[in-house]
Amino acid sequence: MRFDDVEQKKRDGVVYTPEALARFVARRLLACLPDDAPSRAENKRKLAIYDPAVGDGALLHALASELVATGQRAISIRGGDIDADALALAADRLSSFEDVELEERDFLAGEVEVSPDLLIANPPYVRTQILGADVVEDLRARFGLTGRIDLSHAFLLRALDALAHSMHIRGLRHLDLSRTGITSAGVARLMRSPAVSALVSLDLSETAIDDEALVAIAESNHLGRLRSLSFRHTDVSYKGWQALSSSPNAHYLEQIGVFGSSLSVPGVLELVARSEHLGPWIHRALERAMNPRPAYR
């Protein structure tokens, strides 16, 4: 078979993050923290950081170093990996920090046993053909994935499970899942997480979702003031649109991308006209059309 002789590192998606990129990702992560996060407040307790695919420790080292630079010295560093040799490299790299625990474990196996304040990761990307049919079917069944999938999709959903009890993930504002293997079951799982409580933009375009995804969005008790939702080129039809248009979660929507979905134009217009919650969206759309921004000279 074509992929039978692929080296083990490629099978496991082993790609160590360069130091410059690790620093960039760490700084971007800290820039997204809310003002009341521990790194922006007094050091009353340790800030727990975690990398589920720690590799040689570059991301954890960069994040811990950036936190120390901002004055956050009480840090609990945790990481896991399936590669014992990589963990040895990470332990050496993180040896200048005090509270460090690294363990050999598969982040996708068993129950999620961590609940960090910050999670940083370079998830392994492994092609479907390399994963093998048995692994792919297992990932589909456990994480509600379909189509062309890889380990990074499962890692994303697993990370949200790990962060479900962290108040600081609630700073998540923009989530782009377009062209991924996520299904309606995956969206439903996401909508049950407090991680989406501050979400303002969600892109599900060109995914395998159907009406049940919009039902999950409509019924979510965690969803905040969602302003932009796109499900272009999906199987979403009248049922999903009806659920969304009748939900308070649609009240703040300013942009909705439906092009290429299974919705009919008459069906969309009918539900928009009848919707109590999509009224503000129509008002804002008309206001923008009637009062366009002046062109820059």
Protein backbone atom coordinates (compact mmCIF):
# COMPACT_ATOMS: atom_id res chain seq x y z
CA MET A 1 0.00 0.00 0.00
CA ARG A 2 1.13 3.54 -0.73
CA PHE A 3 1.27 4.71 2.90
CA ASP A 4 2.49 1.50 4.55
CA ASP A 5 6.11 2.66 4.71
CA VAL A 6 5.46 6.15 6.08
CA GLU A 7 7.88 6.91 8.91
CA GLN A 8 6.48 6.96 12.45
CA LYS A 9 7.02 10.70 12.94
CA LYS A 10 4.81 11.43 9.94
CA ARG A 11 2.18 8.98 11.20
CA ASP A 12 2.08 10.83 14.52
CA GLY A 13 2.09 14.28 12.93
CA VAL A 14 5.38 15.25 14.56
CA VAL A 15 6.36 18.78 13.54
CA TYR A 16 8.19 20.78 16.20
CA THR A 17 7.25 24.46 16.39
CA PRO A 18 10.09 26.90 15.56
CA GLU A 19 10.96 29.27 18.43
CA ALA A 20 10.01 32.41 16.52
CA LEU A 21 6.59 31.00 15.67
CA ALA A 22 6.12 29.78 19.25
CA ARG A 23 6.76 33.29 20.58
CA PHE A 24 4.34 34.77 18.03
CA VAL A 25 1.56 32.32 19.00
CA ALA A 26 2.17 32.92 22.72
CA ARG A 27 1.93 36.69 22.31
CA ARG A 28 -1.22 36.39 20.23
CA LEU A 29 -2.77 34.19 22.89
CA LEU A 30 -1.98 36.64 25.68
CA ALA A 31 -3.29 39.55 23.62
CA CYS A 32 -6.69 37.84 23.55
CA LEU A 33 -6.95 37.48 27.32
CA PRO A 34 -9.73 39.42 29.06
CA ASP A 35 -8.66 42.16 31.45
CA ASP A 36 -9.71 40.15 34.53
CA ALA A 37 -7.59 37.11 33.65
CA PRO A 38 -4.97 36.13 36.26
CA SER A 39 -2.10 37.36 34.08
CA ARG A 40 -3.68 40.82 34.09
CA ALA A 41 -4.56 40.76 37.78
CA GLU A 42 -2.77 40.18 41.05
CA ASN A 43 -0.98 36.87 41.45
CA LYS A 44 -3.52 35.41 43.88
CA ARG A 45 -3.15 31.91 42.48
CA LYS A 46 -1.12 30.01 39.94
CA LEU A 47 -2.06 30.30 36.32
CA ALA A 48 -2.33 26.82 34.80
CA ILE A 49 -1.06 26.45 31.22
CA TYR A 50 -1.20 23.26 29.18
CA ASP A 51 -0.02 21.82 25.87
CA PRO A 52 -1.63 18.48 24.94
CA ALA A 53 0.95 17.75 22.23
CA VAL A 54 3.98 19.29 23.87
CA GLY A 55 6.66 18.00 21.50
CA ASP A 56 9.99 19.58 22.44
CA GLY A 57 8.27 22.17 24.67
CA ALA A 58 8.72 25.24 22.46
CA LEU A 59 5.15 26.53 22.86
CA LEU A 60 5.00 26.03 26.62
CA HIS A 61 8.40 27.66 27.06
CA ALA A 62 7.37 30.64 24.93
CA LEU A 63 4.06 31.08 26.76
CA ALA A 64 5.61 30.74 30.22
CA SER A 65 8.38 33.20 29.29
CA GLU A 66 5.87 35.74 27.98
CA LEU A 67 3.81 35.41 31.17
CA VAL A 68 6.88 35.98 33.32
CA ALA A 69 7.69 39.06 31.23
CA THR A 70 4.24 40.47 32.04
CA GLY A 71 4.81 39.94 35.78
CA GLN A 72 2.96 36.63 36.14
CA ARG A 73 5.43 34.47 38.06
CA ALA A 74 3.02 31.97 39.64
CA ILE A 75 2.67 29.50 36.78
CA SER A 76 1.73 25.83 36.73
CA ILE A 77 3.07 24.20 33.54
CA ARG A 78 1.53 20.94 32.32
CA GLY A 79 2.01 19.02 29.11
CA GLY A 80 1.49 15.66 27.50
CA ASP A 81 2.71 13.75 24.48
CA ILE A 82 2.80 10.20 23.18
CA ASP A 83 6.53 10.50 22.40
CA ALA A 84 8.81 9.83 25.39
CA ASP A 85 11.86 11.20 23.58
CA ALA A 86 10.05 14.47 22.87
CA LEU A 87 9.02 14.74 26.52
CA ALA A 88 12.67 14.44 27.54
CA LEU A 89 13.53 17.37 25.25
CA ALA A 90 10.63 19.39 26.66
CA ALA A 91 11.66 18.67 30.25
CA ASP A 92 15.15 19.95 29.51
CA ARG A 93 13.81 23.08 27.82
CA LEU A 94 11.45 23.87 30.71
CA SER A 95 13.96 23.10 33.47
CA SER A 96 14.31 26.77 34.44
CA PHE A 97 10.68 26.85 35.64
CA GLU A 98 9.64 25.41 39.00
CA ASP A 99 6.17 23.88 38.71
CA VAL A 100 6.41 21.61 35.64
CA GLU A 101 4.70 18.26 35.07
CA LEU A 102 4.94 16.38 31.79
CA GLU A 103 3.37 13.00 31.14
CA GLU A 104 3.33 10.43 28.40
CA ARG A 105 -0.31 10.25 27.32
CA ASP A 106 -2.63 10.37 24.34
CA PHE A 107 -4.76 13.51 24.57
CA LEU A 108 -7.53 11.88 22.54
CA ALA A 109 -7.79 8.76 24.70
CA GLY A 110 -9.83 8.36 27.88
CA GLU A 111 -11.40 11.17 29.88
CA VAL A 112 -10.11 14.74 29.80
CA GLU A 113 -8.32 15.11 33.13
CA VAL A 114 -7.06 18.67 32.82
CA SER A 115 -8.79 22.02 33.15
CA PRO A 116 -6.18 24.69 32.42
CA ASP A 117 -6.59 28.45 32.27
CA LEU A 118 -4.70 28.60 29.00
CA LEU A 119 -4.21 25.88 26.40
CA ILE A 120 -1.62 26.32 23.69
CA ALA A 121 -0.95 23.72 21.01
CA ASN A 122 0.29 22.89 17.55
CA PRO A 123 -2.13 20.00 16.93
CA PRO A 124 -0.81 17.12 14.84
CA TYR A 125 -2.01 17.13 11.25
CA VAL A 126 -2.11 13.63 9.81
CA ARG A 127 -3.77 12.77 6.50
CA THR A 128 -6.70 10.38 6.48
CA GLN A 129 -4.81 7.86 4.38
CA ILE A 130 -1.98 7.76 6.90
CA LEU A 131 -4.30 7.47 9.89
CA GLY A 132 -5.87 4.32 8.50
CA ALA A 133 -9.52 3.34 8.18
CA ASP A 134 -9.93 2.03 11.74
CA VAL A 135 -8.58 5.21 13.36
CA VAL A 136 -10.64 7.44 11.07
CA GLU A 137 -13.86 5.59 11.88
CA ASP A 138 -13.09 5.83 15.60
CA LEU A 139 -12.54 9.59 15.36
CA ARG A 140 -15.75 10.03 13.38
CA ALA A 141 -17.76 8.08 15.95
CA ARG A 142 -16.29 9.81 19.00
CA PHE A 143 -16.16 13.40 17.79
CA GLY A 144 -19.00 13.66 15.27
CA LEU A 145 -16.66 14.20 12.33
CA THR A 146 -17.16 13.22 8.73
CA GLY A 147 -15.63 13.65 5.30
CA ARG A 148 -11.90 14.37 5.06
CA ILE A 149 -10.70 14.56 8.63
CA ASP A 150 -7.38 14.59 10.45
CA LEU A 151 -6.17 14.58 14.04
CA SER A 152 -6.26 18.38 14.33
CA HIS A 153 -10.08 18.39 14.08
CA ALA A 154 -10.39 15.97 16.99
CA PHE A 155 -7.78 17.94 18.95
CA LEU A 156 -9.84 21.12 18.61
CA LEU A 157 -12.99 19.52 20.02
CA ARG A 158 -10.98 17.79 22.77
CA ALA A 159 -9.37 21.10 23.69
CA LEU A 160 -12.79 22.69 24.14
CA ASP A 161 -13.68 19.85 26.52
CA ALA A 162 -10.53 20.56 28.51
CA LEU A 163 -11.32 24.28 28.63
CA ALA A 164 -15.01 23.87 29.40
CA HIS A 165 -14.58 24.86 33.05
CA SER A 166 -12.10 27.65 32.47
CA MET A 167 -13.58 31.13 32.68
CA HIS A 168 -10.80 32.51 30.52
CA ILE A 169 -11.62 30.58 27.36
CA ARG A 170 -14.73 32.70 27.34
CA GLY A 171 -12.63 35.35 25.66
CA LEU A 172 -12.97 33.31 22.45
CA ARG A 173 -14.65 35.64 19.98
CA HIS A 174 -13.97 34.33 16.48
CA LEU A 175 -14.06 30.69 15.40
CA ASP A 176 -13.50 29.61 11.80
CA LEU A 177 -14.33 25.94 11.17
CA SER A 178 -14.89 26.33 7.43
CA ARG A 179 -13.71 23.48 5.22
CA THR A 180 -13.14 21.20 8.20
CA GLY A 181 -14.65 17.81 8.86
CA ILE A 182 -16.96 19.04 11.62
CA THR A 183 -20.54 17.76 11.53
CA SER A 184 -23.75 18.79 13.26
CA ALA A 185 -22.85 16.49 16.16
CA GLY A 186 -19.57 18.36 16.56
CA VAL A 187 -21.35 21.72 16.49
CA ALA A 188 -23.81 20.49 19.11
CA ARG A 189 -20.89 19.47 21.30
CA LEU A 190 -19.33 22.91 20.83
CA MET A 191 -22.57 24.71 21.69
CA ARG A 192 -22.73 22.90 25.05
CA SER A 193 -19.42 24.45 26.08
CA PRO A 194 -19.06 27.73 28.02
CA ALA A 195 -16.23 28.38 25.54
CA VAL A 196 -18.75 30.01 23.19
CA SER A 197 -20.15 32.47 25.71
CA ALA A 198 -18.32 35.43 24.13
CA LEU A 199 -18.45 34.20 20.54
CA VAL A 200 -19.36 36.88 18.01
CA SER A 201 -18.29 35.21 14.75
CA LEU A 202 -18.76 31.58 13.67
CA ASP A 203 -17.97 30.26 10.19
CA LEU A 204 -19.25 26.78 9.30
CA SER A 205 -19.05 27.19 5.53
CA GLU A 206 -18.27 24.18 3.33
CA THR A 207 -18.65 21.69 6.17
CA ALA A 208 -20.80 18.59 6.57
CA ILE A 209 -23.36 20.27 8.83
CA ASP A 210 -27.10 20.12 8.26
CA ASP A 211 -30.19 21.50 10.00
CA GLU A 212 -29.26 19.96 13.35
CA ALA A 213 -26.28 22.30 13.64
CA LEU A 214 -28.51 25.38 13.49
CA VAL A 215 -30.91 23.73 15.94
CA ALA A 216 -27.98 23.31 18.35
CA ILE A 217 -26.99 26.96 17.87
CA ALA A 218 -30.57 28.08 18.40
CA GLU A 219 -30.93 26.05 21.61
CA SER A 220 -27.52 26.81 23.13
CA ASN A 221 -27.64 28.20 26.66
CA HIS A 222 -24.03 29.40 26.47
CA LEU A 223 -23.99 31.33 23.23
CA GLY A 224 -23.41 35.05 23.69
CA ARG A 225 -24.02 37.88 21.30
CA LEU A 226 -23.37 36.13 18.02
CA ARG A 227 -23.09 38.77 15.30
CA SER A 228 -21.85 36.84 12.30
CA LEU A 229 -22.83 33.32 11.23
CA SER A 230 -21.97 31.66 7.94
CA PHE A 231 -23.05 28.26 6.67
CA ARG A 232 -22.39 28.71 2.95
CA HIS A 233 -22.37 25.57 0.80
CA THR A 234 -23.85 23.28 3.45
CA ASP A 235 -26.95 21.10 3.70
CA VAL A 236 -28.75 23.54 6.02
CA SER A 237 -32.33 23.94 4.84
CA TYR A 238 -35.69 25.29 6.03
CA LYS A 239 -35.78 23.40 9.35
CA GLY A 240 -32.46 24.79 10.58
CA TRP A 241 -33.22 28.30 9.42
CA GLN A 242 -36.62 28.15 11.14
CA ALA A 243 -35.00 27.09 14.43
CA LEU A 244 -32.46 29.92 14.21
CA SER A 245 -34.95 32.61 13.23
CA SER A 246 -37.15 31.81 16.22
CA SER A 247 -34.27 31.83 18.73
CA PRO A 248 -33.11 34.76 20.93
CA ASN A 249 -29.58 33.73 19.90
CA ALA A 250 -30.30 35.34 16.51
CA HIS A 251 -31.18 38.71 18.02
CA TYR A 252 -27.73 40.30 17.60
CA LEU A 253 -26.91 38.84 14.19
CA GLU A 254 -25.62 41.38 11.70
CA GLN A 255 -24.28 39.07 9.00
CA ILE A 256 -25.60 35.70 7.86
CA GLY A 257 -23.94 33.77 5.05
CA VAL A 258 -26.34 31.35 3.35
CA PHE A 259 -25.13 31.30 -0.27
CA GLY A 260 -24.92 27.80 -1.69
CA SER A 261 -26.84 26.18 1.17
CA SER A 262 -30.02 24.15 0.70
CA LEU A 263 -32.20 27.14 1.59
CA SER A 264 -34.62 28.54 -0.94
CA VAL A 265 -34.88 32.31 -1.33
CA PRO A 266 -38.66 32.37 -0.70
CA GLY A 267 -38.17 30.30 2.45
CA VAL A 268 -35.52 32.66 3.79
CA LEU A 269 -37.59 35.76 3.08
CA GLU A 270 -40.68 34.24 4.65
CA LEU A 271 -38.94 33.38 7.91
CA VAL A 272 -37.11 36.72 8.06
CA ALA A 273 -40.44 38.51 7.68
CA ARG A 274 -42.02 36.43 10.46
CA SER A 275 -39.06 36.36 12.83
CA GLU A 276 -39.25 38.34 16.04
CA HIS A 277 -35.50 38.09 16.53
CA LEU A 278 -34.18 38.79 13.03
CA GLY A 279 -35.86 42.19 12.94
CA PRO A 280 -32.75 44.01 14.23
CA TRP A 281 -30.66 42.26 11.55
CA ILE A 282 -32.96 43.54 8.80
CA HIS A 283 -32.96 47.03 10.31
CA ARG A 284 -29.14 47.14 10.44
CA ALA A 285 -28.83 45.74 6.91
CA LEU A 286 -31.20 48.38 5.55
CA GLU A 287 -29.42 51.11 7.49
CA ARG A 288 -26.07 50.10 6.00
CA ALA A 289 -27.61 50.01 2.51
CA MET A 290 -29.16 53.46 2.87
CA ASN A 291 -26.19 55.05 4.62
CA PRO A 292 -23.09 53.53 3.07
CA ARG A 293 -19.70 54.49 4.42
CA PRO A 294 -18.04 57.26 2.37
CA ALA A 295 -15.31 56.07 0.03
CA TYR A 296 -11.76 56.86 1.05
CA ARG A 297 -10.04 59.45 -1.13
